[in-house]
Protein backbone atom coordinates (compact mmCIF):
# COMPACT_ATOMS: atom_id res chain seq x y z
CA UNK A 1 7.45 -8.71 -1.12
CA UNK A 2 7.87 -6.95 -4.45
CA UNK A 3 4.74 -5.36 -5.88
CA UNK A 4 4.65 -3.50 -9.18
CA UNK A 5 3.62 0.14 -9.31
CA UNK A 6 1.00 0.70 -11.99
CA UNK A 7 -0.33 3.73 -13.84
CA UNK A 8 -3.79 2.93 -12.52
CA UNK A 9 -5.21 2.85 -9.02
CA UNK A 10 -6.97 0.17 -7.02
CA UNK A 11 -10.71 0.80 -7.16
CA UNK A 12 -12.28 1.15 -3.75
CA UNK A 13 -8.98 1.63 -1.91
CA UNK A 14 -8.33 4.96 -0.21
CA UNK A 15 -4.81 5.45 1.10
CA UNK A 16 -3.80 8.65 2.89
CA UNK A 17 -0.21 7.54 3.60
CA UNK A 18 1.51 10.12 1.41
CA UNK A 19 4.96 8.77 2.33
CA UNK A 20 4.26 5.48 0.55
CA UNK A 21 5.84 4.69 -2.83
CA UNK A 22 2.41 3.62 -4.17
CA UNK A 23 0.49 6.73 -3.01
CA UNK A 24 -0.92 8.92 -5.80
CA UNK A 25 -2.92 12.12 -6.01
CA UNK A 26 -6.42 11.89 -4.62
CA UNK A 27 -5.30 9.49 -1.86
CA UNK A 28 -5.19 6.53 -4.20
CA UNK A 29 -3.00 3.43 -4.28
CA UNK A 30 -1.10 2.52 -7.45
CA UNK A 31 0.15 -0.88 -6.26
CA UNK A 32 -0.82 -3.76 -8.53
CA UNK A 33 -2.19 -5.50 -5.42
CA UNK A 34 -2.11 -5.01 -1.66
CA UNK A 35 -1.75 -7.29 1.32
CA UNK A 36 -3.30 -6.44 4.68
CA UNK A 37 -2.09 -8.32 7.75
CA UNK A 38 -2.29 -10.04 10.20
CA UNK A 39 -4.68 -12.93 9.98
CA UNK A 40 -7.24 -12.98 12.81
CA UNK A 41 -7.06 -9.23 13.53
CA UNK A 42 -9.84 -8.16 15.86
CA UNK A 43 -9.86 -4.37 15.28
CA UNK A 44 -8.42 -1.71 13.02
CA UNK A 45 -5.44 -1.08 15.30
CA UNK A 46 -4.36 -4.69 14.71
CA UNK A 47 -4.17 -4.29 10.92
CA UNK A 48 -1.22 -3.28 8.76
CA UNK A 49 -0.64 -2.72 5.05
CA UNK A 50 2.22 -5.10 4.27
CA UNK A 51 2.53 -3.52 0.82
CA UNK A 52 3.77 -0.20 2.27
CA UNK A 53 7.16 0.90 1.00
CA UNK A 54 8.72 4.26 1.88
CA UNK A 55 8.61 6.65 -1.05
CA UNK A 56 12.30 7.51 -0.83
CA UNK A 57 13.74 3.99 -1.07
CA UNK A 58 14.54 1.64 -3.91
CA UNK A 59 13.53 -1.99 -3.74
CA UNK A 60 16.56 -4.26 -3.89
CA UNK A 61 15.10 -7.69 -3.35
């Protein structure tokens, strides 16, 4: 999944994963959109941000 990085942040989204490409100052997310998975999760441990991309990699596909 390729998501654009924007100069803005997603209102209402707090992200503390400072190793993510989309992480910005103030624990904000600069992805144009995010996807949380999986469907039918029953607790927070079951969820995952599918938008996450390591900060030190380039997207090639």
